[in-house]
Amino acid sequence: MHLLRRCLSLYRSLAGGGGRASPVRLYGCDFDFGEFGDNPAIVRQTSLHTYEQREARFARRAVRPGDRVLELGGGLGVVSTIAAKSVDGGTLTVVEADGRLLPIIEGNLKLNGVTATLLHGAAFARDRLPETAEVDFFLLPLFTGSSLTEPKARKILRKVSVPVLCLEDLLAQYDINVLLMDIEGAELDLLTWGALTGIRDIVCEFHQPLDDDRRRRAMERLAEMGFANQTTSGKGQVVWMGRSD
């Protein structure tokens, strides 16, 4: 706790007093985390340079110049910015269901001199599309953990409605060949049911243990489509999978 207070104090001093602790430099980029910049968990992880570290490292290795990248779950824009700087002549499309995060992502892209197409909504595989044009999304006070599934043991800030987007339509419209995902458990449906035509590389944060039956089925399907593990984080949470062009 003492270390955390020191980190927060340092953040604020770098910000010029008692104001928001931003911008912060991570992985060669500058970031302003807006209303979440003073959150103790974010402060600690950014101070230790562990925030989104694995996702950023894998995305930087997976994305090549000229790629067309779709990121599902943009968060605070860390991986978005890394991907946007890596495409170098390609394109980045970011889908985020939490409307609070879209201006933060946009600001961080601008801060680093890169651009992307930002979309508000939640992506579903065509075979699993809801019958309605919008679905419920449960916001938590801190954006991490906000999801399409109502949390049972965590306090909800509020329930909102977000647009439904079809994964296959996004892949076709933006000619996607690299898929990045951090969507709080919804990755299983997309990987199990989605038609991943044209995708060369996938970087995905899983929110289930390695021995989860649903995760195992999703990985088996990916293997059937020719995807193989390129590298995996220590506990198997973040995985980079690829297949031949």
C-alpha atoms as a PDB file:
ATOM      1  CA  MET A   1       0.000   0.000   0.000  1.00  0.00           C
ATOM      2  CA  HIS A   2       2.897   2.351   0.810  1.00  0.00           C
ATOM      3  CA  LEU A   3       4.395   1.688  -2.641  1.00  0.00           C
ATOM      4  CA  LEU A   4       1.040   2.356  -4.288  1.00  0.00           C
ATOM      5  CA  ARG A   5       0.729   5.714  -2.520  1.00  0.00           C
ATOM      6  CA  ARG A   6       4.241   6.628  -3.631  1.00  0.00           C
ATOM      7  CA  CYS A   7       3.412   5.702  -7.234  1.00  0.00           C
ATOM      8  CA  LEU A   8       0.241   7.779  -7.140  1.00  0.00           C
ATOM      9  CA  SER A   9       2.112  10.715  -5.612  1.00  0.00           C
ATOM     10  CA  LEU A  10       4.760  10.496  -8.325  1.00  0.00           C
ATOM     11  CA  TYR A  11       2.072  10.344 -11.014  1.00  0.00           C
ATOM     12  CA  ARG A  12       0.422  13.481  -9.691  1.00  0.00           C
ATOM     13  CA  SER A  13       3.691  15.347  -9.372  1.00  0.00           C
ATOM     14  CA  LEU A  14       4.530  14.515 -12.982  1.00  0.00           C
ATOM     15  CA  ALA A  15       1.098  15.774 -13.981  1.00  0.00           C
ATOM     16  CA  GLY A  16       1.871  19.116 -12.350  1.00  0.00           C
ATOM     17  CA  GLY A  17       0.305  18.910  -8.907  1.00  0.00           C
ATOM     18  CA  GLY A  18      -2.924  17.374  -7.747  1.00  0.00           C
ATOM     19  CA  GLY A  19      -4.455  16.963 -11.156  1.00  0.00           C
ATOM     20  CA  ARG A  20      -4.991  13.882 -13.226  1.00  0.00           C
ATOM     21  CA  ALA A  21      -2.016  11.543 -13.549  1.00  0.00           C
ATOM     22  CA  SER A  22      -1.438  11.788 -17.266  1.00  0.00           C
ATOM     23  CA  PRO A  23      -0.027  11.559 -19.798  1.00  0.00           C
ATOM     24  CA  VAL A  24       2.086   8.511 -19.055  1.00  0.00           C
ATOM     25  CA  ARG A  25       4.617   6.847 -21.331  1.00  0.00           C
ATOM     26  CA  LEU A  26       4.311   3.124 -22.000  1.00  0.00           C
ATOM     27  CA  TYR A  27       5.920   0.918 -24.634  1.00  0.00           C
ATOM     28  CA  GLY A  28       7.255   3.887 -26.573  1.00  0.00           C
ATOM     29  CA  CYS A  29       3.897   5.722 -26.706  1.00  0.00           C
ATOM     30  CA  ASP A  30       2.190   8.459 -24.687  1.00  0.00           C
ATOM     31  CA  PHE A  31      -1.195   7.889 -23.046  1.00  0.00           C
ATOM     32  CA  ASP A  32      -3.820   9.970 -21.277  1.00  0.00           C
ATOM     33  CA  PHE A  33      -6.231   7.697 -19.428  1.00  0.00           C
ATOM     34  CA  GLY A  34      -8.792  10.398 -18.691  1.00  0.00           C
ATOM     35  CA  GLU A  35     -11.145   9.727 -15.795  1.00  0.00           C
ATOM     36  CA  PHE A  36      -9.405   6.407 -15.087  1.00  0.00           C
ATOM     37  CA  GLY A  37      -5.908   7.872 -14.824  1.00  0.00           C
ATOM     38  CA  ASP A  38      -5.975   8.078 -11.025  1.00  0.00           C
ATOM     39  CA  ASN A  39      -7.411   4.612 -10.446  1.00  0.00           C
ATOM     40  CA  PRO A  40      -5.012   2.781  -8.054  1.00  0.00           C
ATOM     41  CA  ALA A  41      -4.964  -0.405 -10.147  1.00  0.00           C
ATOM     42  CA  ILE A  42      -4.173   1.525 -13.323  1.00  0.00           C
ATOM     43  CA  VAL A  43      -1.554   3.628 -11.497  1.00  0.00           C
ATOM     44  CA  ARG A  44       0.187   0.547 -10.139  1.00  0.00           C
ATOM     45  CA  GLN A  45       0.256  -1.345 -13.445  1.00  0.00           C
ATOM     46  CA  THR A  46       1.397   1.623 -15.502  1.00  0.00           C
ATOM     47  CA  SER A  47       4.073   2.510 -12.941  1.00  0.00           C
ATOM     48  CA  LEU A  48       5.392  -1.055 -13.177  1.00  0.00           C
ATOM     49  CA  HIS A  49       4.941  -1.112 -16.977  1.00  0.00           C
ATOM     50  CA  THR A  50       2.758  -4.198 -16.764  1.00  0.00           C
ATOM     51  CA  TYR A  51      -0.527  -2.669 -17.971  1.00  0.00           C
ATOM     52  CA  GLU A  52      -1.564  -4.534 -21.163  1.00  0.00           C
ATOM     53  CA  GLN A  53       2.088  -5.520 -21.526  1.00  0.00           C
ATOM     54  CA  ARG A  54       1.541  -8.987 -22.975  1.00  0.00           C
ATOM     55  CA  GLU A  55      -1.222  -7.863 -25.307  1.00  0.00           C
ATOM     56  CA  ALA A  56       0.880  -4.933 -26.542  1.00  0.00           C
ATOM     57  CA  ARG A  57       3.950  -7.116 -27.067  1.00  0.00           C
ATOM     58  CA  PHE A  58       2.040  -9.788 -28.993  1.00  0.00           C
ATOM     59  CA  ALA A  59       0.173  -7.215 -31.087  1.00  0.00           C
ATOM     60  CA  ARG A  60       3.440  -5.504 -32.022  1.00  0.00           C
ATOM     61  CA  ARG A  61       4.845  -8.842 -33.184  1.00  0.00           C
ATOM     62  CA  ALA A  62       1.709 -10.044 -34.965  1.00  0.00           C
ATOM     63  CA  VAL A  63       0.810  -6.880 -36.881  1.00  0.00           C
ATOM     64  CA  ARG A  64       2.790  -6.170 -40.047  1.00  0.00           C
ATOM     65  CA  PRO A  65       2.957  -3.078 -42.259  1.00  0.00           C
ATOM     66  CA  GLY A  66      -0.069  -2.968 -44.541  1.00  0.00           C
ATOM     67  CA  ASP A  67      -2.254  -5.195 -42.343  1.00  0.00           C
ATOM     68  CA  ARG A  68      -5.962  -4.548 -41.821  1.00  0.00           C
ATOM     69  CA  VAL A  69      -6.561  -5.000 -38.107  1.00  0.00           C
ATOM     70  CA  LEU A  70      -9.812  -5.374 -36.178  1.00  0.00           C
ATOM     71  CA  GLU A  71      -9.582  -4.867 -32.425  1.00  0.00           C
ATOM     72  CA  LEU A  72     -12.553  -5.985 -30.354  1.00  0.00           C
ATOM     73  CA  GLY A  73     -12.425  -4.302 -26.948  1.00  0.00           C
ATOM     74  CA  GLY A  74     -10.251  -1.214 -27.229  1.00  0.00           C
ATOM     75  CA  GLY A  75     -10.039  -0.456 -23.505  1.00  0.00           C
ATOM     76  CA  LEU A  76      -7.961   2.653 -22.873  1.00  0.00           C
ATOM     77  CA  GLY A  77      -6.379   2.506 -26.314  1.00  0.00           C
ATOM     78  CA  VAL A  78      -2.982   1.052 -25.401  1.00  0.00           C
ATOM     79  CA  VAL A  79      -3.103  -1.915 -27.780  1.00  0.00           C
ATOM     80  CA  SER A  80      -5.049   0.211 -30.280  1.00  0.00           C
ATOM     81  CA  THR A  81      -2.182   2.694 -30.421  1.00  0.00           C
ATOM     82  CA  ILE A  82       0.478  -0.016 -30.719  1.00  0.00           C
ATOM     83  CA  ALA A  83      -1.474  -1.639 -33.562  1.00  0.00           C
ATOM     84  CA  ALA A  84      -2.105   1.674 -35.329  1.00  0.00           C
ATOM     85  CA  LYS A  85       1.614   2.477 -35.257  1.00  0.00           C
ATOM     86  CA  SER A  86       2.454  -1.013 -36.539  1.00  0.00           C
ATOM     87  CA  VAL A  87       0.111  -1.181 -39.553  1.00  0.00           C
ATOM     88  CA  ASP A  88       2.152   1.514 -41.386  1.00  0.00           C
ATOM     89  CA  GLY A  89      -0.044   1.963 -44.444  1.00  0.00           C
ATOM     90  CA  GLY A  90      -2.684  -0.502 -43.340  1.00  0.00           C
ATOM     91  CA  THR A  91      -5.843   0.132 -41.328  1.00  0.00           C
ATOM     92  CA  LEU A  92      -7.136  -0.325 -37.795  1.00  0.00           C
ATOM     93  CA  THR A  93     -10.788  -0.669 -36.804  1.00  0.00           C
ATOM     94  CA  VAL A  94     -11.635  -0.645 -33.090  1.00  0.00           C
ATOM     95  CA  VAL A  95     -14.933  -1.874 -31.623  1.00  0.00           C
ATOM     96  CA  GLU A  96     -15.692  -0.878 -28.030  1.00  0.00           C
ATOM     97  CA  ALA A  97     -18.951  -1.428 -26.152  1.00  0.00           C
ATOM     98  CA  ASP A  98     -18.169   0.936 -23.265  1.00  0.00           C
ATOM     99  CA  GLY A  99     -18.993   4.412 -24.524  1.00  0.00           C
ATOM    100  CA  ARG A 100     -16.864   6.009 -21.792  1.00  0.00           C
ATOM    101  CA  LEU A 101     -13.753   4.647 -23.457  1.00  0.00           C
ATOM    102  CA  LEU A 102     -14.237   5.813 -27.043  1.00  0.00           C
ATOM    103  CA  PRO A 103     -13.046   9.423 -26.485  1.00  0.00           C
ATOM    104  CA  ILE A 104     -10.077   8.105 -24.473  1.00  0.00           C
ATOM    105  CA  ILE A 105      -9.073   5.751 -27.300  1.00  0.00           C
ATOM    106  CA  GLU A 106      -9.495   8.535 -29.853  1.00  0.00           C
ATOM    107  CA  GLY A 107      -7.425  10.916 -27.728  1.00  0.00           C
ATOM    108  CA  ASN A 108      -4.590   8.442 -27.332  1.00  0.00           C
ATOM    109  CA  LEU A 109      -4.489   7.735 -31.044  1.00  0.00           C
ATOM    110  CA  LYS A 110      -4.250  11.476 -31.742  1.00  0.00           C
ATOM    111  CA  LEU A 111      -1.639  11.900 -29.022  1.00  0.00           C
ATOM    112  CA  ASN A 112       0.575   9.467 -30.920  1.00  0.00           C
ATOM    113  CA  GLY A 113      -0.146  10.757 -34.400  1.00  0.00           C
ATOM    114  CA  VAL A 114      -2.136   7.757 -35.639  1.00  0.00           C
ATOM    115  CA  THR A 115      -5.737   7.127 -36.623  1.00  0.00           C
ATOM    116  CA  ALA A 116      -8.336   4.357 -36.593  1.00  0.00           C
ATOM    117  CA  THR A 117     -11.994   3.781 -37.317  1.00  0.00           C
ATOM    118  CA  LEU A 118     -13.845   3.641 -33.983  1.00  0.00           C
ATOM    119  CA  LEU A 119     -17.163   1.826 -33.663  1.00  0.00           C
ATOM    120  CA  HIS A 120     -19.487   1.656 -30.672  1.00  0.00           C
ATOM    121  CA  GLY A 121     -21.081  -1.750 -30.180  1.00  0.00           C
ATOM    122  CA  ALA A 122     -20.662  -5.425 -29.392  1.00  0.00           C
ATOM    123  CA  ALA A 123     -19.668  -7.976 -32.030  1.00  0.00           C
ATOM    124  CA  PHE A 124     -21.423 -11.318 -32.458  1.00  0.00           C
ATOM    125  CA  ALA A 125     -20.834 -14.213 -34.848  1.00  0.00           C
ATOM    126  CA  ARG A 126     -23.504 -14.315 -37.547  1.00  0.00           C
ATOM    127  CA  ASP A 127     -24.821 -17.657 -36.287  1.00  0.00           C
ATOM    128  CA  ARG A 128     -25.240 -16.152 -32.797  1.00  0.00           C
ATOM    129  CA  LEU A 129     -26.677 -12.748 -33.651  1.00  0.00           C
ATOM    130  CA  PRO A 130     -29.357 -11.528 -31.208  1.00  0.00           C
ATOM    131  CA  GLU A 131     -32.796 -10.840 -32.636  1.00  0.00           C
ATOM    132  CA  THR A 132     -32.635  -7.237 -31.429  1.00  0.00           C
ATOM    133  CA  ALA A 133     -30.575  -4.355 -32.835  1.00  0.00           C
ATOM    134  CA  GLU A 134     -29.196  -3.572 -29.378  1.00  0.00           C
ATOM    135  CA  VAL A 135     -28.196  -5.649 -26.350  1.00  0.00           C
ATOM    136  CA  ASP A 136     -27.692  -4.961 -22.660  1.00  0.00           C
ATOM    137  CA  PHE A 137     -24.193  -4.094 -21.516  1.00  0.00           C
ATOM    138  CA  PHE A 138     -23.280  -3.901 -17.846  1.00  0.00           C
ATOM    139  CA  LEU A 139     -20.927  -1.083 -16.872  1.00  0.00           C
ATOM    140  CA  LEU A 140     -18.761  -1.390 -13.769  1.00  0.00           C
ATOM    141  CA  PRO A 141     -17.240   1.637 -11.987  1.00  0.00           C
ATOM    142  CA  LEU A 142     -13.845   0.688 -13.419  1.00  0.00           C
ATOM    143  CA  PHE A 143     -14.219  -0.300 -17.059  1.00  0.00           C
ATOM    144  CA  THR A 144     -12.400  -3.624 -16.641  1.00  0.00           C
ATOM    145  CA  GLY A 145     -14.953  -6.375 -16.129  1.00  0.00           C
ATOM    146  CA  SER A 146     -17.776  -4.488 -17.857  1.00  0.00           C
ATOM    147  CA  SER A 147     -19.423  -7.019 -20.140  1.00  0.00           C
ATOM    148  CA  LEU A 148     -22.502  -8.425 -21.847  1.00  0.00           C
ATOM    149  CA  THR A 149     -23.007 -10.766 -18.895  1.00  0.00           C
ATOM    150  CA  GLU A 150     -24.387  -9.360 -15.664  1.00  0.00           C
ATOM    151  CA  PRO A 151     -21.745  -9.850 -12.957  1.00  0.00           C
ATOM    152  CA  LYS A 152     -22.969 -11.725  -9.896  1.00  0.00           C
ATOM    153  CA  ALA A 153     -20.437 -10.593  -7.332  1.00  0.00           C
ATOM    154  CA  ARG A 154     -19.491  -7.086  -8.475  1.00  0.00           C
ATOM    155  CA  LYS A 155     -21.296  -3.779  -8.153  1.00  0.00           C
ATOM    156  CA  ILE A 156     -22.859  -2.541 -11.382  1.00  0.00           C
ATOM    157  CA  LEU A 157     -22.611   1.153 -12.187  1.00  0.00           C
ATOM    158  CA  ARG A 158     -25.473   0.963 -14.664  1.00  0.00           C
ATOM    159  CA  LYS A 159     -26.962  -1.100 -17.483  1.00  0.00           C
ATOM    160  CA  VAL A 160     -26.887   0.422 -20.970  1.00  0.00           C
ATOM    161  CA  SER A 161     -27.903  -0.649 -24.462  1.00  0.00           C
ATOM    162  CA  VAL A 162     -25.242  -0.996 -27.155  1.00  0.00           C
ATOM    163  CA  PRO A 163     -25.552  -1.664 -30.914  1.00  0.00           C
ATOM    164  CA  VAL A 164     -25.192  -5.214 -32.219  1.00  0.00           C
ATOM    165  CA  LEU A 165     -22.463  -5.665 -34.842  1.00  0.00           C
ATOM    166  CA  CYS A 166     -21.933  -8.754 -36.993  1.00  0.00           C
ATOM    167  CA  LEU A 167     -18.366 -10.054 -36.890  1.00  0.00           C
ATOM    168  CA  GLU A 168     -18.430 -11.425 -40.426  1.00  0.00           C
ATOM    169  CA  ASP A 169     -19.747  -8.126 -41.790  1.00  0.00           C
ATOM    170  CA  LEU A 170     -16.907  -6.269 -40.081  1.00  0.00           C
ATOM    171  CA  LEU A 171     -14.326  -8.695 -41.460  1.00  0.00           C
ATOM    172  CA  ALA A 172     -15.672  -8.268 -44.977  1.00  0.00           C
ATOM    173  CA  GLN A 173     -16.260  -4.499 -44.867  1.00  0.00           C
ATOM    174  CA  TYR A 174     -12.766  -3.680 -43.606  1.00  0.00           C
ATOM    175  CA  ASP A 175     -10.972  -6.600 -45.334  1.00  0.00           C
ATOM    176  CA  ILE A 176      -9.543  -7.735 -41.988  1.00  0.00           C
ATOM    177  CA  ASN A 177      -6.560 -10.088 -41.761  1.00  0.00           C
ATOM    178  CA  VAL A 178      -5.534  -9.612 -38.094  1.00  0.00           C
ATOM    179  CA  LEU A 179      -7.917  -9.930 -35.137  1.00  0.00           C
ATOM    180  CA  LEU A 180      -7.168  -8.608 -31.628  1.00  0.00           C
ATOM    181  CA  MET A 181      -9.583  -9.435 -28.796  1.00  0.00           C
ATOM    182  CA  ASP A 182     -10.039  -8.571 -25.139  1.00  0.00           C
ATOM    183  CA  ILE A 183     -13.786  -8.781 -24.569  1.00  0.00           C
ATOM    184  CA  GLU A 184     -14.289 -10.209 -21.085  1.00  0.00           C
ATOM    185  CA  GLY A 185     -15.336 -13.748 -21.982  1.00  0.00           C
ATOM    186  CA  ALA A 186     -17.270 -13.072 -25.195  1.00  0.00           C
ATOM    187  CA  GLU A 187     -14.246 -14.309 -27.156  1.00  0.00           C
ATOM    188  CA  LEU A 188     -15.402 -17.923 -26.808  1.00  0.00           C
ATOM    189  CA  ASP A 189     -18.556 -17.458 -28.878  1.00  0.00           C
ATOM    190  CA  LEU A 190     -16.692 -15.572 -31.593  1.00  0.00           C
ATOM    191  CA  LEU A 191     -13.898 -18.134 -31.843  1.00  0.00           C
ATOM    192  CA  THR A 192     -16.311 -21.074 -31.705  1.00  0.00           C
ATOM    193  CA  TRP A 193     -18.967 -19.776 -34.104  1.00  0.00           C
ATOM    194  CA  GLY A 194     -17.373 -17.005 -36.158  1.00  0.00           C
ATOM    195  CA  ALA A 195     -16.391 -17.476 -39.808  1.00  0.00           C
ATOM    196  CA  LEU A 196     -12.789 -16.294 -39.665  1.00  0.00           C
ATOM    197  CA  THR A 197     -12.194 -16.206 -43.402  1.00  0.00           C
ATOM    198  CA  GLY A 198      -9.102 -14.244 -44.355  1.00  0.00           C
ATOM    199  CA  ILE A 199      -7.698 -13.986 -40.826  1.00  0.00           C
ATOM    200  CA  ARG A 200      -3.944 -14.647 -40.609  1.00  0.00           C
ATOM    201  CA  ASP A 201      -3.246 -13.819 -36.956  1.00  0.00           C
ATOM    202  CA  ILE A 202      -5.286 -13.650 -33.752  1.00  0.00           C
ATOM    203  CA  VAL A 203      -4.152 -12.148 -30.453  1.00  0.00           C
ATOM    204  CA  CYS A 204      -6.689 -12.954 -27.757  1.00  0.00           C
ATOM    205  CA  GLU A 205      -6.930 -12.523 -24.012  1.00  0.00           C
ATOM    206  CA  PHE A 206      -8.862 -15.452 -22.601  1.00  0.00           C
ATOM    207  CA  HIS A 207     -10.901 -15.069 -19.431  1.00  0.00           C
ATOM    208  CA  GLN A 208     -11.199 -18.789 -18.692  1.00  0.00           C
ATOM    209  CA  PRO A 209      -8.659 -21.285 -17.332  1.00  0.00           C
ATOM    210  CA  LEU A 210      -6.748 -23.562 -19.677  1.00  0.00           C
ATOM    211  CA  ASP A 211      -8.844 -26.589 -18.701  1.00  0.00           C
ATOM    212  CA  ASP A 212     -12.206 -24.903 -19.372  1.00  0.00           C
ATOM    213  CA  ASP A 213     -14.222 -27.121 -21.759  1.00  0.00           C
ATOM    214  CA  ARG A 214     -15.519 -24.160 -23.776  1.00  0.00           C
ATOM    215  CA  ARG A 215     -12.035 -22.783 -24.244  1.00  0.00           C
ATOM    216  CA  ARG A 216     -10.762 -26.202 -25.254  1.00  0.00           C
ATOM    217  CA  ARG A 217     -13.499 -26.512 -27.913  1.00  0.00           C
ATOM    218  CA  ALA A 218     -12.704 -23.052 -29.258  1.00  0.00           C
ATOM    219  CA  MET A 219      -9.016 -23.923 -29.543  1.00  0.00           C
ATOM    220  CA  GLU A 220      -9.823 -27.207 -31.267  1.00  0.00           C
ATOM    221  CA  ARG A 221     -11.911 -25.357 -33.846  1.00  0.00           C
ATOM    222  CA  LEU A 222      -9.103 -22.884 -34.469  1.00  0.00           C
ATOM    223  CA  ALA A 223      -6.684 -25.773 -34.953  1.00  0.00           C
ATOM    224  CA  GLU A 224      -9.069 -27.287 -37.507  1.00  0.00           C
ATOM    225  CA  MET A 225      -8.956 -23.975 -39.401  1.00  0.00           C
ATOM    226  CA  GLY A 226      -5.170 -24.108 -39.497  1.00  0.00           C
ATOM    227  CA  PHE A 227      -4.306 -21.815 -36.579  1.00  0.00           C
ATOM    228  CA  ALA A 228      -1.350 -22.738 -34.398  1.00  0.00           C
ATOM    229  CA  ASN A 229       0.037 -21.105 -31.274  1.00  0.00           C
ATOM    230  CA  GLN A 230       2.827 -18.660 -32.020  1.00  0.00           C
ATOM    231  CA  THR A 231       3.370 -17.775 -28.378  1.00  0.00           C
ATOM    232  CA  THR A 232       1.455 -17.740 -25.092  1.00  0.00           C
ATOM    233  CA  SER A 233       1.796 -15.740 -21.892  1.00  0.00           C
ATOM    234  CA  GLY A 234       3.053 -17.582 -18.819  1.00  0.00           C
ATOM    235  CA  LYS A 235      -0.365 -18.580 -17.482  1.00  0.00           C
ATOM    236  CA  GLY A 236      -1.988 -18.975 -20.876  1.00  0.00           C
ATOM    237  CA  GLN A 237      -4.164 -15.895 -20.506  1.00  0.00           C
ATOM    238  CA  VAL A 238      -2.977 -14.100 -23.639  1.00  0.00           C
ATOM    239  CA  VAL A 239      -2.439 -16.165 -26.783  1.00  0.00           C
ATOM    240  CA  TRP A 240      -1.116 -15.296 -30.226  1.00  0.00           C
ATOM    241  CA  MET A 241      -2.278 -17.733 -32.911  1.00  0.00           C
ATOM    242  CA  GLY A 242      -1.422 -17.646 -36.598  1.00  0.00           C
ATOM    243  CA  ARG A 243      -1.725 -19.542 -39.838  1.00  0.00           C
ATOM    244  CA  SER A 244      -0.035 -19.324 -43.211  1.00  0.00           C
ATOM    245  CA  ASP A 245      -1.089 -16.529 -45.574  1.00  0.00           C
END
